[in-house]
């Protein structure tokens, strides 16, 4: 599975808008700024898309709660098929926080392996 987070603000600044050439940018919105809505998605090509939503941003505790759910599913997959579940993710602070790292061994014992993408592109590769 591939994991990533994204979010949107329910109130947009004018700098993130479009307008016709020669017209002033204008966005009608409420006077009150609204909070952020975030999604954490797990995509398994040709099989499934699982997700969790959060008002605000995901924090370590909410990320752990989602991965605990994925680990439960991975445990059943391991029991039924003998196969580990692999989650591919970036090195975001949620994924590598001290609180999260404390869960890694438990998740692995449940049949969930976390694979981290390289933190930055490899340098000096031929074009």
Protein backbone atom coordinates (compact mmCIF):
# COMPACT_ATOMS: atom_id res chain seq x y z
CA UNK A 1 0.00 0.00 0.00
CA UNK A 2 1.09 3.56 -0.62
CA UNK A 3 0.39 6.06 2.16
CA UNK A 4 0.28 9.84 1.98
CA UNK A 5 -1.49 12.74 3.61
CA UNK A 6 -3.06 15.78 2.09
CA UNK A 7 -5.26 18.55 3.28
CA UNK A 8 -7.20 21.58 2.31
CA UNK A 9 -8.05 24.79 4.00
CA UNK A 10 -11.72 25.66 3.99
CA UNK A 11 -10.75 29.31 3.55
CA UNK A 12 -8.46 30.33 0.68
CA UNK A 13 -6.18 33.33 0.36
CA UNK A 14 -6.57 35.31 -2.86
CA UNK A 15 -3.06 34.32 -3.91
CA UNK A 16 -4.40 30.82 -4.65
CA UNK A 17 -7.03 31.83 -7.15
CA UNK A 18 -7.45 32.45 -10.85
CA UNK A 19 -8.95 35.32 -12.73
CA UNK A 20 -9.39 36.33 -16.34
CA UNK A 21 -6.73 38.53 -17.88
CA UNK A 22 -7.44 42.14 -16.94
CA UNK A 23 -9.83 41.26 -14.10
CA UNK A 24 -9.10 41.59 -10.40
CA UNK A 25 -8.89 38.39 -8.37
CA UNK A 26 -11.94 37.91 -6.19
CA UNK A 27 -13.05 35.07 -3.99
CA UNK A 28 -16.28 35.19 -2.05
CA UNK A 29 -15.93 33.48 1.30
CA UNK A 30 -17.14 33.77 4.84
CA UNK A 31 -15.72 36.37 7.18
CA UNK A 32 -14.52 33.67 9.52
CA UNK A 33 -11.52 31.55 8.57
CA UNK A 34 -12.34 27.88 8.78
CA UNK A 35 -10.04 25.07 9.83
CA UNK A 36 -8.07 22.57 7.84
CA UNK A 37 -9.47 19.20 6.73
CA UNK A 38 -6.86 16.46 6.28
CA UNK A 39 -6.96 13.02 4.69
CA UNK A 40 -4.55 10.17 5.19
CA UNK A 41 -4.94 7.68 2.37
CA UNK A 42 -3.66 4.16 1.80
CA UNK A 43 -3.85 3.02 -1.82
CA UNK A 44 -3.32 -0.55 -2.95
CA UNK A 45 -3.39 -0.49 -6.78
CA UNK A 46 -6.25 -2.45 -8.31
CA UNK A 47 -7.44 -3.53 -4.87
CA UNK A 48 -8.40 -0.87 -2.36
CA UNK A 49 -8.27 2.69 -1.09
CA UNK A 50 -8.57 3.15 2.65
CA UNK A 51 -8.55 6.55 4.30
CA UNK A 52 -9.03 8.49 7.48
CA UNK A 53 -10.14 12.12 7.85
CA UNK A 54 -9.15 14.64 10.49
CA UNK A 55 -10.31 18.12 11.34
CA UNK A 56 -7.01 19.93 11.51
CA UNK A 57 -3.79 18.09 10.81
CA UNK A 58 -2.87 14.53 11.62
CA UNK A 59 -0.66 14.25 14.70
CA UNK A 60 1.36 11.27 15.89
CA UNK A 61 -1.47 9.90 18.04
CA UNK A 62 -4.04 10.03 15.22
CA UNK A 63 -1.54 8.55 12.74
CA UNK A 64 -0.83 5.70 15.19
CA UNK A 65 -4.54 5.06 15.54
CA UNK A 66 -4.89 4.69 11.75
CA UNK A 67 -1.82 2.45 11.48
CA UNK A 68 -3.11 0.32 14.37
CA UNK A 69 -6.21 -0.31 12.21
CA UNK A 70 -4.02 -1.17 9.21
CA UNK A 71 -1.93 -3.48 11.43
CA UNK A 72 -5.08 -5.34 12.50
CA UNK A 73 -5.90 -5.93 8.83
CA UNK A 74 -2.27 -6.93 8.19
CA UNK A 75 -2.45 -9.43 11.04
CA UNK A 76 -5.44 -11.11 9.43
CA UNK A 77 -3.70 -11.13 6.03
CA UNK A 78 -0.61 -12.72 7.61
CA UNK A 79 -2.76 -15.36 9.28
CA UNK A 80 -4.74 -16.13 6.10
CA UNK A 81 -1.96 -15.97 3.50
CA UNK A 82 1.38 -15.92 5.30
CA UNK A 83 2.16 -12.59 3.59
CA UNK A 84 3.33 -9.38 5.23
CA UNK A 85 1.58 -6.11 4.38
CA UNK A 86 3.96 -3.37 3.20
CA UNK A 87 3.15 0.33 3.56
CA UNK A 88 5.29 2.69 1.46
CA UNK A 89 5.51 6.20 2.88
CA UNK A 90 7.70 9.28 3.02
CA UNK A 91 9.79 10.38 6.00
CA UNK A 92 7.22 12.82 7.35
CA UNK A 93 7.49 13.73 11.00
CA UNK A 94 4.31 11.74 11.76
CA UNK A 95 5.90 8.59 10.40
CA UNK A 96 9.18 8.95 12.27
CA UNK A 97 8.27 10.64 15.56
CA UNK A 98 9.53 9.13 18.81
CA UNK A 99 5.98 8.06 19.73
CA UNK A 100 5.51 6.41 16.34
CA UNK A 101 8.90 4.64 16.36
CA UNK A 102 7.86 2.98 19.63
CA UNK A 103 5.10 1.16 17.68
CA UNK A 104 7.22 -0.16 14.80
CA UNK A 105 8.19 -3.51 16.38
CA UNK A 106 4.61 -4.20 17.48
CA UNK A 107 3.30 -3.46 13.99
CA UNK A 108 5.94 -5.69 12.43
CA UNK A 109 4.94 -8.54 14.74
CA UNK A 110 1.38 -8.07 13.45
CA UNK A 111 2.55 -8.50 9.85
CA UNK A 112 2.92 -4.83 8.90
CA UNK A 113 6.21 -3.63 7.41
CA UNK A 114 6.79 0.11 6.96
CA UNK A 115 8.98 0.97 3.96
CA UNK A 116 10.35 4.51 3.86
CA UNK A 117 11.12 6.34 0.65
CA UNK A 118 14.56 7.99 0.50
CA UNK A 119 14.49 11.37 2.26
CA UNK A 120 15.79 13.18 -0.83
CA UNK A 121 16.58 12.32 -4.45
CA UNK A 122 19.88 10.59 -5.03
CA UNK A 123 22.49 12.96 -6.41
CA UNK A 124 24.97 12.54 -9.25
CA UNK A 125 22.73 10.22 -11.23
CA UNK A 126 22.97 10.37 -15.02
CA UNK A 127 20.13 12.30 -16.69
